[in-house]
Amino acid sequence: MLRPPNFIFGIYEGKTASTTTPATAKSGSNKMITLFQDWFNRNQLPWDYTNFDGRSDYGSFLAAGIGAGGLFSGADAMKIIEQVNRYAAMLVRNLSGTASIRQDICYHQSCDKTTNINKFALEKMVKATAYAIEILGQQSALDSWLYPMREIEEISKKKSTATVSV
């Protein structure tokens, strides 16, 4: 889902991953989230968090302790007026979309064709992804960049505290 007509620039939010997600996966995911946020902010484009809700193929990576991140431009959720207004204020062209209409009106339907591609959204999502890949590729010690022990220990402590206080 990188190009529906009523798109959002969604960044998967690591904090919404399952509570059983290992700390290493959360640490790596947080780093990737920041890469996407940085790109959209530098390019003065709006963005939204989207949930790690299990509707994609990242779940097995998170369960194995491997960080995951990515973009999502919408599916069957409705675009809300707040998004339309925020996108209208930030986008050069009137590409803010329409409130109370599904983000992708053809999601998993026979009308889901290349003729429905929002080329503006596709271009920005591809560029954001390329930026993240470039930054990841430039890391001489990718494992220690994605999974710094201090951060993993802090996440583990928060998880232990949350479990005890429940």
Protein backbone atom coordinates (compact mmCIF):
# COMPACT_ATOMS: atom_id res chain seq x y z
CA MET A 1 0.00 0.00 0.00
CA LEU A 2 2.24 2.77 -1.24
CA ARG A 3 -0.05 4.84 -3.36
CA PRO A 4 -3.82 5.05 -2.76
CA PRO A 5 -5.69 8.09 -4.09
CA ASN A 6 -6.69 9.34 -0.61
CA PHE A 7 -3.25 8.61 0.85
CA ILE A 8 -1.55 9.30 4.14
CA PHE A 9 2.19 9.27 4.72
CA GLY A 10 2.10 6.66 7.47
CA ILE A 11 5.15 5.57 9.47
CA TYR A 12 4.86 2.31 11.40
CA GLU A 13 4.98 3.17 15.11
CA GLY A 14 7.12 0.81 17.18
CA LYS A 15 5.30 1.65 20.42
CA THR A 16 2.20 -0.09 19.06
CA ALA A 17 3.99 -3.41 18.58
CA SER A 18 2.83 -6.31 20.72
CA THR A 19 3.89 -6.19 24.37
CA THR A 20 5.66 -9.51 23.80
CA THR A 21 7.98 -7.91 21.23
CA PRO A 22 11.62 -8.30 22.36
CA ALA A 23 13.47 -5.13 23.40
CA THR A 24 15.98 -5.58 20.57
CA ALA A 25 13.20 -5.37 18.00
CA LYS A 26 11.77 -2.24 19.61
CA SER A 27 15.18 -0.55 19.67
CA GLY A 28 15.85 -1.27 16.00
CA SER A 29 12.31 -0.28 15.05
CA ASN A 30 12.66 3.05 16.86
CA LYS A 31 15.79 3.83 14.85
CA MET A 32 13.99 3.14 11.58
CA ILE A 33 10.99 5.22 12.64
CA THR A 34 13.33 8.15 13.25
CA LEU A 35 14.83 7.79 9.76
CA PHE A 36 11.41 8.14 8.15
CA GLN A 37 10.37 11.00 10.44
CA ASP A 38 13.58 12.85 9.59
CA TRP A 39 12.98 12.49 5.85
CA PHE A 40 9.39 13.73 5.96
CA ASN A 41 10.27 16.59 8.32
CA ARG A 42 13.25 17.69 6.18
CA ASN A 43 11.03 17.70 3.12
CA GLN A 44 8.27 19.58 4.96
CA LEU A 45 5.74 16.85 4.34
CA PRO A 46 3.01 15.73 6.73
CA TRP A 47 3.12 12.26 8.23
CA ASP A 48 1.12 10.10 10.59
CA TYR A 49 1.94 7.16 12.79
CA THR A 50 0.33 3.90 11.79
CA ASN A 51 0.06 0.87 14.04
CA PHE A 52 2.16 -2.26 13.92
CA ASP A 53 -1.14 -4.14 13.85
CA GLY A 54 -0.08 -7.43 12.30
CA ARG A 55 -1.56 -6.70 8.88
CA SER A 56 1.79 -6.93 7.13
CA ASP A 57 4.78 -9.25 7.00
CA TYR A 58 6.87 -7.55 9.71
CA GLY A 59 5.36 -9.56 12.60
CA SER A 60 7.72 -12.51 12.34
CA PHE A 61 10.73 -10.17 12.29
CA LEU A 62 9.58 -8.40 15.46
CA ALA A 63 8.87 -11.72 17.18
CA ALA A 64 12.43 -12.84 16.38
CA GLY A 65 13.88 -9.67 17.92
CA ILE A 66 14.67 -8.02 14.59
CA GLY A 67 13.76 -4.37 14.21
CA ALA A 68 11.24 -3.49 11.54
CA GLY A 69 10.06 -0.25 10.08
CA GLY A 70 8.26 1.00 7.08
CA LEU A 71 5.73 3.18 5.44
CA PHE A 72 2.03 2.79 4.84
CA SER A 73 -0.12 5.03 2.69
CA GLY A 74 -3.52 3.73 3.68
CA ALA A 75 -6.00 0.94 3.20
CA ASP A 76 -9.54 0.61 4.47
CA ALA A 77 -9.48 3.25 7.24
CA MET A 78 -11.24 6.57 6.73
CA LYS A 79 -9.20 9.71 6.25
CA ILE A 80 -10.19 12.11 9.00
CA ILE A 81 -10.73 15.85 8.75
CA GLU A 82 -7.69 16.58 10.95
CA GLN A 83 -5.47 14.77 8.45
CA VAL A 84 -7.04 16.54 5.49
CA ASN A 85 -6.50 19.94 7.14
CA ARG A 86 -2.92 19.18 8.20
CA TYR A 87 -2.01 17.82 4.77
CA ALA A 88 -3.64 20.82 3.04
CA ALA A 89 -1.53 23.18 5.16
CA MET A 90 1.73 21.41 4.27
CA LEU A 91 1.38 20.25 0.68
CA VAL A 92 2.21 22.59 -2.19
CA ARG A 93 -0.52 21.19 -4.38
CA ASN A 94 -4.02 20.42 -3.23
CA LEU A 95 -3.33 16.78 -2.46
CA SER A 96 -4.81 16.67 1.00
CA GLY A 97 -7.51 14.15 0.18
CA THR A 98 -11.11 13.90 1.30
CA ALA A 99 -12.36 13.34 4.83
CA SER A 100 -14.74 10.49 5.64
CA ILE A 101 -13.66 8.50 2.58
CA ARG A 102 -11.49 5.40 2.80
CA GLN A 103 -7.80 6.01 2.22
CA ASP A 104 -7.80 3.40 -0.53
CA ILE A 105 -11.29 2.99 -1.96
CA CYS A 106 -10.14 0.05 -4.07
CA TYR A 107 -8.21 -1.77 -1.33
CA HIS A 108 -8.25 -5.50 -2.23
CA GLN A 109 -11.00 -5.00 -4.80
CA SER A 110 -11.16 -5.50 -8.56
CA CYS A 111 -10.72 -1.73 -9.10
CA ASP A 112 -7.26 -1.87 -7.40
CA LYS A 113 -5.25 -1.12 -10.55
CA THR A 114 -2.25 0.89 -11.63
CA THR A 115 -4.60 3.57 -12.94
CA ASN A 116 -5.45 4.42 -9.31
CA ILE A 117 -1.88 5.27 -8.37
CA ASN A 118 -1.33 8.64 -6.76
CA LYS A 119 2.00 9.44 -8.40
CA PHE A 120 2.83 12.22 -5.94
CA ALA A 121 2.38 9.90 -2.94
CA LEU A 122 4.25 7.06 -4.65
CA GLU A 123 7.21 9.31 -5.47
CA LYS A 124 7.49 10.62 -1.90
CA MET A 125 7.18 7.17 -0.35
CA VAL A 126 9.85 5.77 -2.69
CA LYS A 127 12.19 8.66 -1.89
CA ALA A 128 11.66 8.24 1.86
CA THR A 129 12.38 4.52 1.55
CA ALA A 130 15.51 5.17 -0.52
CA TYR A 131 16.72 7.65 2.11
CA ALA A 132 16.27 5.09 4.90
CA ILE A 133 18.05 2.39 2.89
CA GLU A 134 20.92 4.78 2.14
CA ILE A 135 21.38 5.70 5.81
CA LEU A 136 21.23 2.05 6.87
CA GLY A 137 23.74 1.16 4.16
CA GLN A 138 26.17 3.82 5.37
CA GLN A 139 26.41 2.37 8.86
CA SER A 140 29.78 0.67 9.33
CA ALA A 141 28.45 -1.17 12.39
CA LEU A 142 24.76 -1.57 11.62
CA ASP A 143 24.04 -4.00 14.46
CA SER A 144 25.39 -1.68 17.14
CA TRP A 145 23.64 1.30 15.52
CA LEU A 146 20.27 -0.47 15.44
CA TYR A 147 20.67 -2.30 18.73
CA PRO A 148 22.67 -0.21 21.23
CA MET A 149 22.85 -2.17 24.49
CA ARG A 150 22.01 0.81 26.71
CA GLU A 151 18.76 1.46 24.84
CA ILE A 152 17.84 -2.23 24.88
CA GLU A 153 18.42 -2.34 28.64
CA GLU A 154 16.20 0.73 29.15
CA ILE A 155 13.40 -0.80 27.06
CA SER A 156 13.72 -4.08 28.97
CA LYS A 157 13.47 -2.24 32.31
CA LYS A 158 10.35 -0.38 31.18
CA LYS A 159 8.82 -3.65 30.03
CA SER A 160 9.64 -5.33 33.38
CA THR A 161 8.22 -2.40 35.34
CA ALA A 162 5.04 -2.40 33.26
CA THR A 163 4.62 -6.14 33.76
CA VAL A 164 5.10 -5.89 37.53
CA SER A 165 2.71 -2.95 37.93
CA VAL A 166 -0.14 -4.66 36.07
